[in-house]
């Protein structure tokens, strides 16, 4: 199973931030969309990630002045990414090792999606439940 399977059926563009946007505007977008992170994109190229964690670290370092900074000043860069043909288990392992919760999906240097650890875990659980159900059906037929 690959990341492409998780991206199937999703509609619309990936929500993103620009490196030149003010933190205040992007924090408002995170709250409005009820999401924890945004890829920071220039053109189609991912240049970083802006997450709740960046907000907390920025507030600790810069206090209220954090809100008037540009995203590029406080984002996490470079972004750790995966491709759409990356196996789901590899992406989960990467997220665990690097202690991150979001991955931009990049093919040919262009962002094609964005996945969270919740997306990957949900997919994995559904897969395990389907396999268990198939096994129960097989055993009952025997």
Protein backbone atom coordinates (compact mmCIF):
# COMPACT_ATOMS: atom_id res chain seq x y z
CA UNK A 1 0.00 0.00 0.00
CA UNK A 2 1.29 3.41 -0.96
CA UNK A 3 0.56 7.01 -0.04
CA UNK A 4 -1.25 7.36 -3.39
CA UNK A 5 -4.03 5.11 -2.00
CA UNK A 6 -4.59 7.54 0.87
CA UNK A 7 -4.69 10.52 -1.50
CA UNK A 8 -7.30 8.88 -3.75
CA UNK A 9 -10.73 10.36 -3.34
CA UNK A 10 -9.53 13.61 -1.83
CA UNK A 11 -10.94 16.64 -3.56
CA UNK A 12 -9.62 20.16 -3.85
CA UNK A 13 -6.21 21.68 -3.49
CA UNK A 14 -3.95 21.21 -0.50
CA UNK A 15 -4.18 24.12 1.94
CA UNK A 16 -0.79 25.84 1.98
CA UNK A 17 1.01 28.88 3.32
CA UNK A 18 3.39 31.25 1.58
CA UNK A 19 6.78 32.00 3.15
CA UNK A 20 6.00 35.74 2.95
CA UNK A 21 2.68 35.56 4.83
CA UNK A 22 2.46 36.89 8.35
CA UNK A 23 2.26 34.31 11.10
CA UNK A 24 -0.94 35.94 12.36
CA UNK A 25 -2.76 35.18 9.08
CA UNK A 26 -1.55 31.59 8.91
CA UNK A 27 -2.43 30.91 12.56
CA UNK A 28 -5.94 32.18 11.79
CA UNK A 29 -6.10 29.76 8.82
CA UNK A 30 -5.00 26.83 11.00
CA UNK A 31 -7.76 27.67 13.47
CA UNK A 32 -10.39 28.25 10.78
CA UNK A 33 -9.65 24.95 9.01
CA UNK A 34 -9.12 23.12 12.34
CA UNK A 35 -5.80 21.68 11.15
CA UNK A 36 -2.41 21.35 12.80
CA UNK A 37 0.00 22.23 10.02
CA UNK A 38 0.41 23.62 6.53
CA UNK A 39 3.11 23.02 3.96
CA UNK A 40 4.89 26.25 3.09
CA UNK A 41 5.04 26.51 -0.69
CA UNK A 42 6.74 28.77 -3.22
CA UNK A 43 5.22 28.07 -6.62
CA UNK A 44 4.69 24.31 -6.47
CA UNK A 45 7.84 23.67 -4.40
CA UNK A 46 7.62 22.83 -0.69
CA UNK A 47 10.11 24.96 1.24
CA UNK A 48 9.00 24.14 4.78
CA UNK A 49 6.23 23.24 7.20
CA UNK A 50 4.40 25.59 9.53
CA UNK A 51 2.78 23.79 12.46
CA UNK A 52 1.27 24.33 15.87
CA UNK A 53 4.66 23.37 17.26
CA UNK A 54 6.29 26.26 15.36
CA UNK A 55 3.73 28.62 16.89
CA UNK A 56 4.54 27.44 20.42
CA UNK A 57 8.31 27.64 19.91
CA UNK A 58 7.95 31.07 18.30
CA UNK A 59 5.82 32.41 21.13
CA UNK A 60 8.34 31.12 23.66
CA UNK A 61 11.18 32.88 21.82
CA UNK A 62 9.52 36.05 20.52
CA UNK A 63 6.39 36.53 22.68
CA UNK A 64 3.68 38.61 20.97
CA UNK A 65 6.13 39.79 18.27
CA UNK A 66 5.86 36.27 16.86
CA UNK A 67 2.52 37.15 15.26
CA UNK A 68 4.07 39.88 13.10
CA UNK A 69 6.91 37.72 11.78
CA UNK A 70 6.90 36.16 8.33
CA UNK A 71 6.25 32.43 8.13
CA UNK A 72 9.70 31.90 6.58
CA UNK A 73 11.27 33.26 9.79
CA UNK A 74 9.72 30.60 12.03
CA UNK A 75 8.78 27.60 9.85
CA UNK A 76 10.51 24.25 10.06
CA UNK A 77 12.78 23.86 7.05
CA UNK A 78 13.67 21.96 5.06
CA UNK A 79 10.47 19.94 5.00
CA UNK A 80 10.67 16.18 5.28
CA UNK A 81 8.63 14.80 2.39
CA UNK A 82 7.49 11.54 0.81
CA UNK A 83 6.44 10.64 -2.72
CA UNK A 84 3.05 9.23 -3.67
CA UNK A 85 4.65 5.84 -4.35
CA UNK A 86 6.13 5.65 -0.82
CA UNK A 87 4.79 2.70 1.21
CA UNK A 88 2.45 3.68 4.04
CA UNK A 89 4.52 1.73 6.58
CA UNK A 90 7.69 3.54 5.48
CA UNK A 91 5.97 6.89 5.93
CA UNK A 92 4.74 5.86 9.39
CA UNK A 93 8.24 4.75 10.33
CA UNK A 94 9.71 8.04 9.09
CA UNK A 95 7.19 10.04 11.09
CA UNK A 96 7.95 8.04 14.23
CA UNK A 97 11.73 8.33 13.84
CA UNK A 98 11.65 12.06 13.09
CA UNK A 99 8.88 12.80 15.63
CA UNK A 100 6.70 14.60 13.10
CA UNK A 101 2.96 14.44 12.45
CA UNK A 102 2.63 15.76 8.89
CA UNK A 103 4.25 14.95 5.55
CA UNK A 104 3.95 16.82 2.27
CA UNK A 105 3.64 14.43 -0.67
CA UNK A 106 5.91 15.59 -3.48
CA UNK A 107 6.24 14.14 -6.97
CA UNK A 108 8.64 15.69 -9.51
CA UNK A 109 9.34 18.60 -7.11
CA UNK A 110 5.61 19.48 -7.04
CA UNK A 111 3.30 19.14 -4.05
CA UNK A 112 0.52 16.64 -4.79
CA UNK A 113 -0.83 16.05 -1.29
CA UNK A 114 -0.40 16.33 2.46
CA UNK A 115 -0.89 13.50 4.96
CA UNK A 116 -1.01 13.35 8.73
CA UNK A 117 -0.07 10.55 11.02
CA UNK A 118 -3.80 10.23 11.75
CA UNK A 119 -4.49 9.58 8.05
CA UNK A 120 -1.88 6.83 7.95
CA UNK A 121 -2.92 5.18 11.21
CA UNK A 122 -6.59 5.23 10.17
CA UNK A 123 -5.70 3.59 6.85
CA UNK A 124 -3.57 0.96 8.60
CA UNK A 125 -6.33 0.12 11.10
CA UNK A 126 -8.92 -0.21 8.32
CA UNK A 127 -6.56 -2.53 6.44
CA UNK A 128 -5.94 -4.71 9.52
CA UNK A 129 -9.68 -4.90 10.26
CA UNK A 130 -10.41 -5.93 6.66
CA UNK A 131 -7.75 -8.65 6.81
CA UNK A 132 -9.13 -9.92 10.13
CA UNK A 133 -12.65 -10.01 8.70
CA UNK A 134 -11.48 -11.91 5.62
CA UNK A 135 -9.66 -14.40 7.85
CA UNK A 136 -12.78 -14.94 10.02
CA UNK A 137 -14.88 -15.51 6.88
CA UNK A 138 -12.34 -17.98 5.56
CA UNK A 139 -12.24 -19.91 8.82
CA UNK A 140 -16.05 -20.05 9.05
CA UNK A 141 -16.24 -21.48 5.52
CA UNK A 142 -13.83 -24.29 6.38
